[in-house]
N, C-alpha and C. Protein backbone atom coordinates (compact mmCIF):
# COMPACT_ATOMS: atom_id res chain seq x y z
N MET A 1 79.20 56.17 126.81
CA MET A 1 79.75 56.61 125.56
C MET A 1 81.26 56.74 125.72
N SER A 2 82.00 56.16 124.78
CA SER A 2 83.46 56.19 124.87
C SER A 2 84.02 57.44 124.20
N VAL A 3 85.27 57.71 124.47
CA VAL A 3 85.95 58.86 123.87
C VAL A 3 86.02 58.70 122.36
N PHE A 4 86.26 57.48 121.90
CA PHE A 4 86.36 57.24 120.46
C PHE A 4 85.04 57.50 119.75
N SER A 5 83.94 57.14 120.38
CA SER A 5 82.64 57.40 119.75
C SER A 5 82.33 58.89 119.74
N GLN A 6 82.76 59.60 120.76
CA GLN A 6 82.56 61.05 120.77
C GLN A 6 83.42 61.73 119.71
N LEU A 7 84.66 61.29 119.56
CA LEU A 7 85.54 61.87 118.55
C LEU A 7 85.03 61.60 117.14
N SER A 8 84.39 60.45 116.94
CA SER A 8 83.88 60.14 115.61
C SER A 8 82.69 61.01 115.25
N GLN A 9 82.05 61.62 116.24
CA GLN A 9 80.90 62.47 115.99
C GLN A 9 81.28 63.94 115.78
N VAL A 10 82.55 64.26 115.97
CA VAL A 10 83.00 65.64 115.80
C VAL A 10 82.90 66.02 114.33
N LYS A 11 82.29 67.13 114.09
CA LYS A 11 82.15 67.60 112.71
C LYS A 11 83.26 68.58 112.39
N SER A 12 83.72 68.52 111.19
CA SER A 12 84.72 69.49 110.75
C SER A 12 84.15 70.26 109.57
N PHE A 13 84.48 71.50 109.53
CA PHE A 13 83.94 72.37 108.50
C PHE A 13 85.08 72.86 107.59
N ALA A 14 84.75 73.05 106.35
CA ALA A 14 85.72 73.59 105.41
C ALA A 14 85.86 75.08 105.65
N LYS A 15 87.04 75.60 105.34
CA LYS A 15 87.27 77.03 105.48
C LYS A 15 86.41 77.78 104.47
N GLY A 16 86.02 78.98 104.83
CA GLY A 16 85.25 79.81 103.92
C GLY A 16 86.10 80.28 102.75
N GLN A 17 85.47 80.53 101.65
CA GLN A 17 86.17 80.99 100.46
C GLN A 17 86.01 82.49 100.31
N VAL A 18 87.02 83.12 99.78
CA VAL A 18 86.98 84.55 99.52
C VAL A 18 86.84 84.72 98.02
N TYR A 19 85.82 85.46 97.60
CA TYR A 19 85.65 85.71 96.18
C TYR A 19 86.08 87.13 95.88
N ALA A 20 87.07 87.24 95.03
CA ALA A 20 87.52 88.56 94.58
C ALA A 20 87.69 88.47 93.08
N SER A 21 86.84 89.11 92.36
CA SER A 21 86.91 89.09 90.91
C SER A 21 88.14 89.84 90.43
N ALA A 22 88.78 89.30 89.41
CA ALA A 22 89.97 89.95 88.86
C ALA A 22 89.60 91.27 88.20
N THR A 23 88.37 91.40 87.77
CA THR A 23 87.95 92.61 87.07
C THR A 23 87.59 93.75 88.03
N ASP A 24 87.57 93.49 89.33
CA ASP A 24 87.24 94.55 90.29
C ASP A 24 88.28 95.67 90.29
N SER A 25 89.52 95.32 90.02
CA SER A 25 90.58 96.34 90.05
C SER A 25 90.79 97.00 88.69
N LEU A 26 90.01 96.61 87.69
CA LEU A 26 90.17 97.18 86.35
C LEU A 26 89.19 98.31 86.12
N THR A 27 89.65 99.32 85.44
CA THR A 27 88.76 100.41 85.02
C THR A 27 89.13 100.78 83.60
N GLY A 28 88.13 101.10 82.81
CA GLY A 28 88.38 101.49 81.43
C GLY A 28 88.82 100.32 80.57
N GLN A 29 89.49 100.63 79.48
CA GLN A 29 89.95 99.60 78.57
C GLN A 29 91.31 99.08 78.99
N VAL A 30 91.49 97.78 78.89
CA VAL A 30 92.78 97.16 79.16
C VAL A 30 93.10 96.21 78.02
N SER A 31 94.37 96.00 77.81
CA SER A 31 94.78 95.08 76.75
C SER A 31 94.52 93.64 77.20
N LEU A 32 94.47 92.76 76.22
CA LEU A 32 94.28 91.35 76.51
C LEU A 32 95.46 90.82 77.32
N GLU A 33 96.64 91.32 77.01
CA GLU A 33 97.85 90.90 77.74
C GLU A 33 97.76 91.28 79.22
N GLU A 34 97.33 92.49 79.50
CA GLU A 34 97.20 92.94 80.88
C GLU A 34 96.10 92.16 81.61
N PHE A 35 94.99 91.89 80.92
CA PHE A 35 93.90 91.13 81.51
C PHE A 35 94.36 89.70 81.82
N SER A 36 95.10 89.10 80.89
CA SER A 36 95.61 87.74 81.11
C SER A 36 96.57 87.69 82.28
N ARG A 37 97.44 88.70 82.39
CA ARG A 37 98.38 88.78 83.50
C ARG A 37 97.64 88.88 84.84
N LEU A 38 96.59 89.70 84.84
CA LEU A 38 95.80 89.87 86.05
C LEU A 38 95.09 88.58 86.45
N LEU A 39 94.58 87.85 85.47
CA LEU A 39 93.93 86.56 85.76
C LEU A 39 94.93 85.55 86.33
N LYS A 40 96.14 85.53 85.77
CA LYS A 40 97.17 84.61 86.29
C LYS A 40 97.53 84.95 87.73
N GLU A 41 97.64 86.25 88.03
CA GLU A 41 97.92 86.67 89.40
C GLU A 41 96.80 86.25 90.34
N GLN A 42 95.56 86.39 89.87
CA GLN A 42 94.40 86.01 90.69
C GLN A 42 94.40 84.50 90.95
N GLU A 43 94.72 83.71 89.93
CA GLU A 43 94.78 82.26 90.10
C GLU A 43 95.87 81.87 91.10
N LYS A 44 97.02 82.53 91.01
CA LYS A 44 98.12 82.25 91.93
C LYS A 44 97.73 82.62 93.36
N THR A 45 97.06 83.76 93.52
CA THR A 45 96.60 84.18 94.84
C THR A 45 95.60 83.19 95.41
N ASP A 46 94.67 82.73 94.58
CA ASP A 46 93.68 81.75 95.04
C ASP A 46 94.34 80.44 95.44
N GLU A 47 95.34 80.02 94.69
CA GLU A 47 96.06 78.79 95.01
C GLU A 47 96.78 78.91 96.35
N LEU A 48 97.44 80.05 96.56
CA LEU A 48 98.15 80.25 97.83
C LEU A 48 97.18 80.34 99.00
N ARG A 49 96.03 80.93 98.77
CA ARG A 49 95.00 81.03 99.81
C ARG A 49 94.49 79.64 100.20
N GLN A 50 94.39 78.74 99.20
CA GLN A 50 93.95 77.37 99.49
C GLN A 50 94.95 76.62 100.35
N PHE A 51 96.23 77.02 100.26
CA PHE A 51 97.25 76.39 101.10
C PHE A 51 97.25 76.96 102.51
N GLY A 52 96.37 77.92 102.77
CA GLY A 52 96.23 78.45 104.12
C GLY A 52 97.02 79.70 104.41
N LEU A 53 97.60 80.32 103.39
CA LEU A 53 98.37 81.54 103.61
C LEU A 53 97.43 82.72 103.83
N SER A 54 97.86 83.63 104.67
CA SER A 54 97.09 84.85 104.91
C SER A 54 97.36 85.84 103.78
N ASP A 55 96.58 86.91 103.73
CA ASP A 55 96.76 87.92 102.69
C ASP A 55 98.15 88.56 102.78
N ASN A 56 98.64 88.79 103.99
CA ASN A 56 99.99 89.36 104.15
C ASN A 56 101.06 88.40 103.64
N GLU A 57 100.91 87.13 103.96
CA GLU A 57 101.88 86.14 103.49
C GLU A 57 101.85 86.01 101.98
N ILE A 58 100.67 86.09 101.41
CA ILE A 58 100.53 86.01 99.96
C ILE A 58 101.20 87.19 99.29
N SER A 59 100.98 88.39 99.81
CA SER A 59 101.60 89.57 99.20
C SER A 59 103.12 89.51 99.32
N LEU A 60 103.65 89.01 100.45
CA LEU A 60 105.09 88.84 100.60
C LEU A 60 105.65 87.86 99.57
N LYS A 61 104.95 86.75 99.39
CA LYS A 61 105.38 85.72 98.43
C LYS A 61 105.38 86.28 97.02
N LEU A 62 104.32 86.98 96.64
CA LEU A 62 104.23 87.53 95.29
C LEU A 62 105.29 88.61 95.05
N ARG A 63 105.55 89.45 96.05
CA ARG A 63 106.60 90.47 95.91
C ARG A 63 107.97 89.82 95.77
N HIS A 64 108.20 88.77 96.53
CA HIS A 64 109.47 88.05 96.44
C HIS A 64 109.66 87.46 95.04
N GLU A 65 108.60 86.88 94.48
CA GLU A 65 108.68 86.31 93.13
C GLU A 65 108.91 87.40 92.09
N GLN A 66 108.27 88.57 92.26
CA GLN A 66 108.47 89.66 91.31
C GLN A 66 109.91 90.16 91.36
N LEU A 67 110.48 90.29 92.55
CA LEU A 67 111.87 90.72 92.68
C LEU A 67 112.82 89.69 92.07
N LYS A 68 112.52 88.43 92.27
CA LYS A 68 113.35 87.37 91.73
C LYS A 68 113.35 87.41 90.20
N HIS A 69 112.17 87.64 89.61
CA HIS A 69 112.06 87.69 88.14
C HIS A 69 112.68 88.96 87.57
N SER A 70 112.63 90.06 88.31
CA SER A 70 113.17 91.32 87.79
C SER A 70 114.70 91.31 87.83
N GLN A 71 115.30 90.49 88.68
CA GLN A 71 116.76 90.42 88.76
C GLN A 71 117.36 89.55 87.67
N VAL A 72 116.55 88.74 87.04
CA VAL A 72 117.06 87.81 86.00
C VAL A 72 117.36 88.53 84.74
């Protein structure tokens, strides 16, 4: 058996997914605007997670974006 045939048999697995519902952090009544904002944040977090960022890196990126928008 050659090295190339062994390498072709190597299986690769997809990374596991983390499911976090946007509604988990909500309690009581919320406005549609607040709910929409929360969904957008969740989508952004999921997108960054797909790029391989850790939770700490994601929170740093989101905080940086919030500071950038608040200075404008």
